[in-house]
Amino acid sequence: MPTDSSRDLADEVTRVAGVSYLQGATGHSIGSLGFLLLGVVGLVVIESAAVGAGAVASASLLSANGVSIYLWDRVRDVVAETPSNEGDDDGGRARDSERTLSPPALSAEHKAELTGGLVQVVGLVTVLAVVIGTIRILGIERGSYLLGALLAAGNLVALALAWWDTDG
């Protein structure tokens, strides 16, 4: 993997060129919508709540992975571009009285990775709290319908943004 902080999805390997358009938000959104469609078929046609719930759970995890990758890259880019506050550098010619035994400063890439990981963990905990709260307030059936509809809307927005980025 490259070590520079300007790494993006373009650096990732696509083994089959015919499906390169499925990288990033597009692939995760299409996959998640496919699982949601499977869930609707499971609930309506097969009348199996287990198939429907499993499909909605799979769609949620797939979408969460896509959003996680997207946000990770954005947070890393923002942190990497932020100037560090290491103070004035005198080129290593500090006087003896000014020397300290402090560890070296973290690199911008390391700070970006740590911040990106923290944002992912906080985001996961927040989403889990919202999902659990929604199901407790609305019940399993209504809560699942609401969360499924929000998930589908989010996937469609991600597809629209991916399409907008390729055209403009």
N, C-alpha and C. Protein backbone atom coordinates (compact mmCIF):
# COMPACT_ATOMS: atom_id res chain seq x y z
N MET A 1 0.84 -1.18 0.00
CA MET A 1 0.00 0.00 0.00
C MET A 1 0.88 1.24 0.00
N PRO A 2 0.48 2.27 -0.69
CA PRO A 2 1.26 3.49 -0.70
C PRO A 2 1.25 4.16 0.67
N THR A 3 2.33 4.86 0.97
CA THR A 3 2.42 5.50 2.27
C THR A 3 2.10 6.98 2.22
N ASP A 4 1.91 7.57 1.07
CA ASP A 4 1.59 8.99 1.02
C ASP A 4 0.13 9.21 1.39
N SER A 5 -0.18 10.42 1.91
CA SER A 5 -1.52 10.68 2.42
C SER A 5 -2.51 11.04 1.31
N SER A 6 -2.09 11.13 0.07
CA SER A 6 -3.00 11.49 -1.01
C SER A 6 -3.64 10.26 -1.64
N ARG A 7 -3.57 9.13 -0.96
CA ARG A 7 -4.14 7.88 -1.45
C ARG A 7 -5.65 7.99 -1.51
N ASP A 8 -6.26 7.45 -2.57
CA ASP A 8 -7.71 7.50 -2.73
C ASP A 8 -8.16 6.20 -3.34
N LEU A 9 -9.45 6.09 -3.63
CA LEU A 9 -9.97 4.87 -4.23
C LEU A 9 -9.33 4.56 -5.57
N ALA A 10 -8.81 5.58 -6.24
CA ALA A 10 -8.15 5.35 -7.52
C ALA A 10 -6.90 4.49 -7.35
N ASP A 11 -6.33 4.48 -6.14
CA ASP A 11 -5.14 3.67 -5.88
C ASP A 11 -5.48 2.21 -5.63
N GLU A 12 -6.73 1.89 -5.39
CA GLU A 12 -7.13 0.53 -5.12
C GLU A 12 -7.12 -0.28 -6.41
N VAL A 13 -6.94 -1.57 -6.29
CA VAL A 13 -6.83 -2.45 -7.44
C VAL A 13 -8.21 -2.95 -7.85
N THR A 14 -8.54 -2.77 -9.13
CA THR A 14 -9.75 -3.37 -9.68
C THR A 14 -9.29 -4.49 -10.59
N ARG A 15 -9.60 -5.71 -10.21
CA ARG A 15 -9.10 -6.86 -10.96
C ARG A 15 -9.87 -7.08 -12.26
N VAL A 16 -11.12 -6.66 -12.32
CA VAL A 16 -11.91 -6.82 -13.53
C VAL A 16 -12.30 -5.42 -14.01
N ALA A 17 -11.72 -4.98 -15.10
CA ALA A 17 -11.94 -3.62 -15.58
C ALA A 17 -13.39 -3.34 -15.92
N GLY A 18 -14.15 -4.35 -16.31
CA GLY A 18 -15.54 -4.16 -16.69
C GLY A 18 -16.45 -3.73 -15.54
N VAL A 19 -16.00 -3.92 -14.30
CA VAL A 19 -16.83 -3.53 -13.16
C VAL A 19 -16.16 -2.44 -12.32
N SER A 20 -15.26 -1.68 -12.91
CA SER A 20 -14.58 -0.63 -12.17
C SER A 20 -15.53 0.46 -11.71
N TYR A 21 -16.68 0.60 -12.37
CA TYR A 21 -17.66 1.60 -11.95
C TYR A 21 -18.32 1.22 -10.63
N LEU A 22 -18.12 0.01 -10.15
CA LEU A 22 -18.71 -0.43 -8.89
C LEU A 22 -17.81 -0.16 -7.69
N GLN A 23 -16.72 0.58 -7.87
CA GLN A 23 -15.86 0.93 -6.76
C GLN A 23 -16.51 2.01 -5.92
N GLY A 24 -16.22 2.01 -4.64
CA GLY A 24 -16.65 3.09 -3.76
C GLY A 24 -18.14 3.10 -3.50
N ALA A 25 -18.69 4.30 -3.44
CA ALA A 25 -20.10 4.49 -3.07
C ALA A 25 -21.05 3.79 -4.04
N THR A 26 -20.71 3.74 -5.30
CA THR A 26 -21.59 3.12 -6.29
C THR A 26 -21.79 1.64 -6.00
N GLY A 27 -20.74 0.91 -5.81
CA GLY A 27 -20.84 -0.53 -5.56
C GLY A 27 -21.56 -0.84 -4.26
N HIS A 28 -21.23 -0.10 -3.20
CA HIS A 28 -21.89 -0.34 -1.92
C HIS A 28 -23.38 0.00 -2.00
N SER A 29 -23.72 1.06 -2.70
CA SER A 29 -25.13 1.45 -2.82
C SER A 29 -25.93 0.44 -3.64
N ILE A 30 -25.37 0.00 -4.74
CA ILE A 30 -26.07 -0.98 -5.57
C ILE A 30 -26.22 -2.30 -4.82
N GLY A 31 -25.18 -2.73 -4.14
CA GLY A 31 -25.27 -3.96 -3.35
C GLY A 31 -26.30 -3.86 -2.24
N SER A 32 -26.30 -2.73 -1.56
CA SER A 32 -27.25 -2.53 -0.46
C SER A 32 -28.69 -2.49 -0.98
N LEU A 33 -28.91 -1.80 -2.09
CA LEU A 33 -30.25 -1.78 -2.68
C LEU A 33 -30.69 -3.17 -3.12
N GLY A 34 -29.75 -3.96 -3.60
CA GLY A 34 -30.06 -5.34 -3.97
C GLY A 34 -30.51 -6.15 -2.76
N PHE A 35 -29.83 -5.98 -1.63
CA PHE A 35 -30.24 -6.68 -0.42
C PHE A 35 -31.60 -6.18 0.08
N LEU A 36 -31.85 -4.86 -0.05
CA LEU A 36 -33.16 -4.34 0.35
C LEU A 36 -34.27 -4.92 -0.54
N LEU A 37 -34.01 -5.05 -1.82
CA LEU A 37 -34.98 -5.67 -2.73
C LEU A 37 -35.22 -7.12 -2.33
N LEU A 38 -34.16 -7.82 -1.99
CA LEU A 38 -34.29 -9.20 -1.51
C LEU A 38 -35.14 -9.25 -0.24
N GLY A 39 -34.96 -8.25 0.64
CA GLY A 39 -35.76 -8.18 1.86
C GLY A 39 -37.22 -7.97 1.58
N VAL A 40 -37.53 -7.12 0.60
CA VAL A 40 -38.94 -6.89 0.22
C VAL A 40 -39.53 -8.18 -0.34
N VAL A 41 -38.77 -8.86 -1.18
CA VAL A 41 -39.25 -10.14 -1.73
C VAL A 41 -39.47 -11.14 -0.59
N GLY A 42 -38.54 -11.16 0.37
CA GLY A 42 -38.68 -12.08 1.49
C GLY A 42 -39.91 -11.79 2.34
N LEU A 43 -40.18 -10.50 2.56
CA LEU A 43 -41.34 -10.13 3.38
C LEU A 43 -42.65 -10.31 2.65
N VAL A 44 -42.71 -9.88 1.39
CA VAL A 44 -43.99 -9.85 0.66
C VAL A 44 -44.28 -11.17 -0.04
N VAL A 45 -43.33 -11.69 -0.80
CA VAL A 45 -43.58 -12.87 -1.61
C VAL A 45 -43.48 -14.15 -0.77
N ILE A 46 -42.38 -14.31 -0.07
CA ILE A 46 -42.16 -15.53 0.70
C ILE A 46 -42.85 -15.45 2.06
N GLU A 47 -43.17 -14.25 2.50
CA GLU A 47 -43.76 -13.98 3.80
C GLU A 47 -42.90 -14.51 4.94
N SER A 48 -41.62 -14.26 4.83
CA SER A 48 -40.67 -14.70 5.84
C SER A 48 -40.00 -13.47 6.45
N ALA A 49 -40.32 -13.23 7.72
CA ALA A 49 -39.71 -12.11 8.41
C ALA A 49 -38.21 -12.30 8.57
N ALA A 50 -37.77 -13.55 8.70
CA ALA A 50 -36.34 -13.84 8.87
C ALA A 50 -35.55 -13.44 7.63
N VAL A 51 -36.08 -13.77 6.45
CA VAL A 51 -35.39 -13.39 5.20
C VAL A 51 -35.37 -11.88 5.07
N GLY A 52 -36.48 -11.23 5.38
CA GLY A 52 -36.54 -9.78 5.30
C GLY A 52 -35.58 -9.11 6.27
N ALA A 53 -35.56 -9.58 7.51
CA ALA A 53 -34.68 -8.98 8.52
C ALA A 53 -33.21 -9.24 8.18
N GLY A 54 -32.91 -10.43 7.70
CA GLY A 54 -31.53 -10.73 7.31
C GLY A 54 -31.06 -9.87 6.15
N ALA A 55 -31.95 -9.65 5.20
CA ALA A 55 -31.59 -8.83 4.06
C ALA A 55 -31.40 -7.38 4.46
N VAL A 56 -32.25 -6.85 5.33
CA VAL A 56 -32.11 -5.46 5.80
C VAL A 56 -30.82 -5.33 6.62
N ALA A 57 -30.51 -6.32 7.44
CA ALA A 57 -29.26 -6.28 8.21
C ALA A 57 -28.05 -6.30 7.28
N SER A 58 -28.08 -7.14 6.25
CA SER A 58 -26.97 -7.20 5.29
C SER A 58 -26.84 -5.89 4.53
N ALA A 59 -27.96 -5.32 4.12
CA ALA A 59 -27.93 -4.03 3.42
C ALA A 59 -27.35 -2.94 4.31
N SER A 60 -27.73 -2.97 5.57
CA SER A 60 -27.22 -1.97 6.51
C SER A 60 -25.72 -2.08 6.68
N LEU A 61 -25.23 -3.30 6.83
CA LEU A 61 -23.79 -3.49 7.01
C LEU A 61 -23.01 -3.09 5.76
N LEU A 62 -23.55 -3.41 4.60
CA LEU A 62 -22.88 -3.04 3.35
C LEU A 62 -22.83 -1.53 3.18
N SER A 63 -23.94 -0.86 3.49
CA SER A 63 -23.95 0.60 3.41
C SER A 63 -23.02 1.22 4.43
N ALA A 64 -23.01 0.68 5.64
CA ALA A 64 -22.13 1.22 6.67
C ALA A 64 -20.67 1.09 6.25
N ASN A 65 -20.32 0.00 5.60
CA ASN A 65 -18.96 -0.18 5.11
C ASN A 65 -18.63 0.87 4.05
N GLY A 66 -19.54 1.11 3.13
CA GLY A 66 -19.31 2.12 2.10
C GLY A 66 -19.15 3.51 2.66
N VAL A 67 -20.03 3.88 3.60
CA VAL A 67 -19.94 5.20 4.23
C VAL A 67 -18.66 5.31 5.03
N SER A 68 -18.28 4.24 5.70
CA SER A 68 -17.07 4.22 6.49
C SER A 68 -15.83 4.49 5.63
N ILE A 69 -15.75 3.83 4.50
CA ILE A 69 -14.61 4.03 3.59
C ILE A 69 -14.59 5.46 3.07
N TYR A 70 -15.77 5.97 2.68
CA TYR A 70 -15.87 7.34 2.16
C TYR A 70 -15.42 8.35 3.22
N LEU A 71 -15.96 8.23 4.43
CA LEU A 71 -15.62 9.19 5.48
C LEU A 71 -14.17 9.05 5.92
N TRP A 72 -13.65 7.84 5.96
CA TRP A 72 -12.26 7.61 6.35
C TRP A 72 -11.34 8.41 5.43
N ASP A 73 -11.57 8.31 4.12
CA ASP A 73 -10.73 9.05 3.17
C ASP A 73 -10.87 10.55 3.35
N ARG A 74 -12.09 11.04 3.59
CA ARG A 74 -12.29 12.48 3.75
C ARG A 74 -11.62 13.00 5.01
N VAL A 75 -11.77 12.27 6.12
CA VAL A 75 -11.15 12.70 7.38
C VAL A 75 -9.63 12.68 7.25
N ARG A 76 -9.08 11.64 6.64
CA ARG A 76 -7.63 11.58 6.45
C ARG A 76 -7.13 12.75 5.63
N ASP A 77 -7.86 13.11 4.58
CA ASP A 77 -7.44 14.23 3.74
C ASP A 77 -7.46 15.55 4.51
N VAL A 78 -8.51 15.76 5.33
CA VAL A 78 -8.62 17.00 6.10
C VAL A 78 -7.50 17.09 7.13
N VAL A 79 -7.26 16.00 7.85
CA VAL A 79 -6.22 16.02 8.89
C VAL A 79 -4.85 16.15 8.26
N ALA A 80 -4.62 15.50 7.15
CA ALA A 80 -3.31 15.57 6.49
C ALA A 80 -3.02 16.97 5.98
N GLU A 81 -4.04 17.71 5.60
CA GLU A 81 -3.85 19.07 5.09
C GLU A 81 -3.73 20.11 6.20
N THR A 82 -4.09 19.76 7.44
CA THR A 82 -4.02 20.69 8.55
C THR A 82 -2.56 20.88 8.95
N PRO A 83 -2.11 22.14 9.03
CA PRO A 83 -0.71 22.35 9.42
C PRO A 83 -0.48 21.92 10.86
N SER A 84 0.69 21.34 11.11
CA SER A 84 0.99 20.87 12.47
C SER A 84 1.45 22.04 13.33
N ASN A 85 1.25 21.91 14.62
CA ASN A 85 1.64 22.96 15.57
C ASN A 85 2.87 22.53 16.34
N GLU A 86 3.94 22.27 15.63
CA GLU A 86 5.16 21.81 16.27
C GLU A 86 6.04 22.97 16.74
N GLY A 87 5.64 24.18 16.52
CA GLY A 87 6.43 25.33 16.95
C GLY A 87 7.51 25.67 15.93
N ASP A 88 8.37 26.58 16.33
CA ASP A 88 9.45 27.00 15.44
C ASP A 88 10.54 25.95 15.41
N ASP A 89 10.99 25.67 14.24
CA ASP A 89 12.06 24.69 14.08
C ASP A 89 13.35 25.46 13.82
N ASP A 90 14.34 25.19 14.64
CA ASP A 90 15.61 25.90 14.46
C ASP A 90 16.63 25.04 13.75
N GLY A 91 16.18 24.01 13.07
CA GLY A 91 17.08 23.16 12.32
C GLY A 91 17.94 22.27 13.19
N GLY A 92 17.51 22.00 14.40
CA GLY A 92 18.25 21.11 15.28
C GLY A 92 19.35 21.82 16.05
N ARG A 93 19.35 23.14 16.07
CA ARG A 93 20.40 23.90 16.75
C ARG A 93 19.90 24.49 18.06
N ALA A 94 19.03 23.77 18.75
CA ALA A 94 18.50 24.29 20.02
C ALA A 94 19.60 24.35 21.06
N ARG A 95 19.53 25.36 21.91
CA ARG A 95 20.50 25.48 22.99
C ARG A 95 20.25 24.38 24.01
N ASP A 96 21.28 24.04 24.74
CA ASP A 96 21.16 22.96 25.73
C ASP A 96 20.05 23.21 26.73
N SER A 97 19.83 24.45 27.12
CA SER A 97 18.80 24.74 28.12
C SER A 97 17.39 24.55 27.58
N GLU A 98 17.21 24.51 26.26
CA GLU A 98 15.90 24.36 25.65
C GLU A 98 15.59 22.92 25.28
N ARG A 99 16.52 22.02 25.40
CA ARG A 99 16.31 20.63 25.00
C ARG A 99 15.44 19.90 26.01
N THR A 100 14.57 19.06 25.48
CA THR A 100 13.72 18.25 26.34
C THR A 100 13.80 16.80 25.89
N LEU A 101 13.34 15.93 26.72
CA LEU A 101 13.32 14.51 26.40
C LEU A 101 11.90 14.11 25.99
N SER A 102 11.37 14.78 25.03
CA SER A 102 10.01 14.47 24.56
C SER A 102 10.08 13.57 23.33
N PRO A 103 9.05 12.76 23.13
CA PRO A 103 9.04 11.89 21.94
C PRO A 103 8.87 12.72 20.67
N PRO A 104 9.26 12.18 19.55
CA PRO A 104 9.07 12.92 18.29
C PRO A 104 7.58 13.11 17.99
N ALA A 105 7.28 14.16 17.27
CA ALA A 105 5.90 14.46 16.92
C ALA A 105 5.37 13.40 15.93
N LEU A 106 4.07 13.15 16.01
CA LEU A 106 3.44 12.21 15.07
C LEU A 106 3.43 12.81 13.67
N SER A 107 3.57 11.95 12.69
CA SER A 107 3.50 12.43 11.31
C SER A 107 2.05 12.79 10.98
N ALA A 108 1.88 13.59 9.95
CA ALA A 108 0.53 13.99 9.53
C ALA A 108 -0.30 12.77 9.12
N GLU A 109 0.35 11.79 8.49
CA GLU A 109 -0.37 10.58 8.07
C GLU A 109 -0.84 9.78 9.29
N HIS A 110 0.02 9.68 10.30
CA HIS A 110 -0.35 8.94 11.51
C HIS A 110 -1.51 9.64 12.22
N LYS A 111 -1.46 10.96 12.32
CA LYS A 111 -2.55 11.72 12.94
C LYS A 111 -3.85 11.51 12.15
N ALA A 112 -3.74 11.50 10.83
CA ALA A 112 -4.92 11.31 9.99
C ALA A 112 -5.53 9.92 10.22
N GLU A 113 -4.69 8.89 10.31
CA GLU A 113 -5.19 7.53 10.53
C GLU A 113 -5.86 7.41 11.90
N LEU A 114 -5.25 7.98 12.93
CA LEU A 114 -5.83 7.92 14.27
C LEU A 114 -7.16 8.67 14.34
N THR A 115 -7.22 9.85 13.72
CA THR A 115 -8.45 10.62 13.72
C THR A 115 -9.54 9.91 12.93
N GLY A 116 -9.18 9.35 11.78
CA GLY A 116 -10.15 8.61 10.98
C GLY A 116 -10.72 7.42 11.73
N GLY A 117 -9.89 6.69 12.45
CA GLY A 117 -10.35 5.56 13.25
C GLY A 117 -11.28 6.00 14.36
N LEU A 118 -10.95 7.10 15.02
CA LEU A 118 -11.81 7.63 16.09
C LEU A 118 -13.17 8.03 15.54
N VAL A 119 -13.18 8.69 14.39
CA VAL A 119 -14.45 9.09 13.78
C VAL A 119 -15.29 7.87 13.42
N GLN A 120 -14.66 6.80 12.92
CA GLN A 120 -15.40 5.59 12.59
C GLN A 120 -16.03 4.96 13.83
N VAL A 121 -15.29 4.88 14.92
CA VAL A 121 -15.81 4.26 16.13
C VAL A 121 -16.97 5.09 16.71
N VAL A 122 -16.79 6.39 16.78
CA VAL A 122 -17.85 7.26 17.29
C VAL A 122 -19.08 7.18 16.38
N GLY A 123 -18.86 7.15 15.07
CA GLY A 123 -19.99 7.03 14.13
C GLY A 123 -20.73 5.72 14.29
N LEU A 124 -20.00 4.62 14.48
CA LEU A 124 -20.64 3.32 14.67
C LEU A 124 -21.49 3.30 15.92
N VAL A 125 -20.95 3.81 17.01
CA VAL A 125 -21.70 3.84 18.26
C VAL A 125 -22.95 4.71 18.12
N THR A 126 -22.83 5.84 17.43
CA THR A 126 -23.97 6.72 17.22
C THR A 126 -25.05 6.04 16.39
N VAL A 127 -24.66 5.40 15.30
CA VAL A 127 -25.64 4.71 14.45
C VAL A 127 -26.33 3.58 15.21
N LEU A 128 -25.58 2.82 15.97
CA LEU A 128 -26.17 1.74 16.77
C LEU A 128 -27.17 2.30 17.78
N ALA A 129 -26.84 3.41 18.41
CA ALA A 129 -27.75 4.03 19.37
C ALA A 129 -29.04 4.50 18.69
N VAL A 130 -28.92 5.08 17.50
CA VAL A 130 -30.10 5.54 16.77
C VAL A 130 -30.97 4.35 16.35
N VAL A 131 -30.35 3.29 15.86
CA VAL A 131 -31.11 2.10 15.43
C VAL A 131 -31.83 1.47 16.62
N ILE A 132 -31.13 1.28 17.71
CA ILE A 132 -31.75 0.67 18.89
C ILE A 132 -32.87 1.57 19.43
N GLY A 133 -32.62 2.87 19.47
CA GLY A 133 -33.65 3.80 19.94
C GLY A 133 -34.88 3.81 19.05
N THR A 134 -34.66 3.76 17.74
CA THR A 134 -35.78 3.75 16.79
C THR A 134 -36.62 2.49 16.97
N ILE A 135 -35.98 1.35 17.11
CA ILE A 135 -36.72 0.10 17.27
C ILE A 135 -37.44 0.07 18.62
N ARG A 136 -36.84 0.63 19.65
CA ARG A 136 -37.51 0.66 20.96
C ARG A 136 -38.72 1.59 20.95
N ILE A 137 -38.60 2.71 20.26
CA ILE A 137 -39.70 3.68 20.23
C ILE A 137 -40.82 3.23 19.30
N LEU A 138 -40.47 2.79 18.08
CA LEU A 138 -41.48 2.46 17.07
C LEU A 138 -41.85 0.98 17.04
N GLY A 139 -41.09 0.15 17.68
CA GLY A 139 -41.32 -1.29 17.59
C GLY A 139 -40.51 -1.87 16.44
N ILE A 140 -40.43 -3.19 16.42
CA ILE A 140 -39.59 -3.85 15.43
C ILE A 140 -40.10 -3.63 14.01
N GLU A 141 -41.39 -3.82 13.78
CA GLU A 141 -41.91 -3.74 12.41
C GLU A 141 -41.84 -2.31 11.86
N ARG A 142 -42.43 -1.35 12.59
CA ARG A 142 -42.41 0.03 12.10
C ARG A 142 -40.98 0.58 12.05
N GLY A 143 -40.20 0.26 13.06
CA GLY A 143 -38.81 0.72 13.07
C GLY A 143 -38.02 0.17 11.90
N SER A 144 -38.25 -1.11 11.57
CA SER A 144 -37.55 -1.71 10.43
C SER A 144 -37.96 -1.06 9.12
N TYR A 145 -39.26 -0.77 8.98
CA TYR A 145 -39.71 -0.10 7.75
C TYR A 145 -39.08 1.29 7.63
N LEU A 146 -39.06 2.03 8.74
CA LEU A 146 -38.48 3.37 8.70
C LEU A 146 -36.99 3.31 8.40
N LEU A 147 -36.26 2.42 9.09
CA LEU A 147 -34.82 2.32 8.87
C LEU A 147 -34.51 1.82 7.45
N GLY A 148 -35.32 0.88 6.95
CA GLY A 148 -35.13 0.40 5.57
C GLY A 148 -35.36 1.50 4.55
N ALA A 149 -36.40 2.32 4.78
CA ALA A 149 -36.68 3.44 3.86
C ALA A 149 -35.56 4.47 3.91
N LEU A 150 -35.07 4.78 5.11
CA LEU A 150 -33.95 5.72 5.22
C LEU A 150 -32.69 5.18 4.56
N LEU A 151 -32.47 3.89 4.72
CA LEU A 151 -31.31 3.25 4.09
C LEU A 151 -31.41 3.31 2.56
N ALA A 152 -32.60 3.01 2.04
CA ALA A 152 -32.80 3.08 0.58
C ALA A 152 -32.61 4.51 0.08
N ALA A 153 -33.15 5.49 0.81
CA ALA A 153 -32.98 6.89 0.40
C ALA A 153 -31.51 7.28 0.43
N GLY A 154 -30.79 6.86 1.47
CA GLY A 154 -29.36 7.17 1.54
C GLY A 154 -28.58 6.54 0.40
N ASN A 155 -28.93 5.32 0.03
CA ASN A 155 -28.26 4.66 -1.09
C ASN A 155 -28.54 5.38 -2.39
N LEU A 156 -29.76 5.81 -2.58
CA LEU A 156 -30.10 6.55 -3.81
C LEU A 156 -29.37 7.88 -3.86
N VAL A 157 -29.23 8.54 -2.72
CA VAL A 157 -28.46 9.79 -2.68
C VAL A 157 -27.00 9.53 -3.01
N ALA A 158 -26.43 8.45 -2.47
CA ALA A 158 -25.03 8.11 -2.77
C ALA A 158 -24.85 7.83 -4.25
N LEU A 159 -25.80 7.11 -4.85
CA LEU A 159 -25.73 6.85 -6.30
C LEU A 159 -25.85 8.14 -7.09
N ALA A 160 -26.75 9.03 -6.69
CA ALA A 160 -26.91 10.31 -7.39
C ALA A 160 -25.64 11.14 -7.29
N LEU A 161 -25.02 11.17 -6.12
CA LEU A 161 -23.78 11.93 -5.96
C LEU A 161 -22.64 11.33 -6.77
N ALA A 162 -22.57 10.00 -6.82
CA ALA A 162 -21.54 9.35 -7.63
C ALA A 162 -21.76 9.63 -9.10
N TRP A 163 -23.01 9.61 -9.53
CA TRP A 163 -23.32 9.93 -10.92
C TRP A 163 -23.01 11.39 -11.22
N TRP A 164 -23.35 12.27 -10.29
CA TRP A 164 -23.10 13.71 -10.46
C TRP A 164 -21.60 13.98 -10.58
N ASP A 165 -20.78 13.29 -9.78
CA ASP A 165 -19.33 13.47 -9.81
C ASP A 165 -18.73 13.02 -11.15
N THR A 166 -19.30 11.97 -11.77
CA THR A 166 -18.73 11.49 -13.01
C THR A 166 -19.12 12.38 -14.19
N ASP A 167 -20.27 13.05 -14.09
CA ASP A 167 -20.70 13.92 -15.18
C ASP A 167 -20.12 15.32 -15.07
N GLY A 168 -19.88 15.79 -13.89
CA GLY A 168 -19.47 17.17 -13.72
C GLY A 168 -18.09 17.27 -13.27
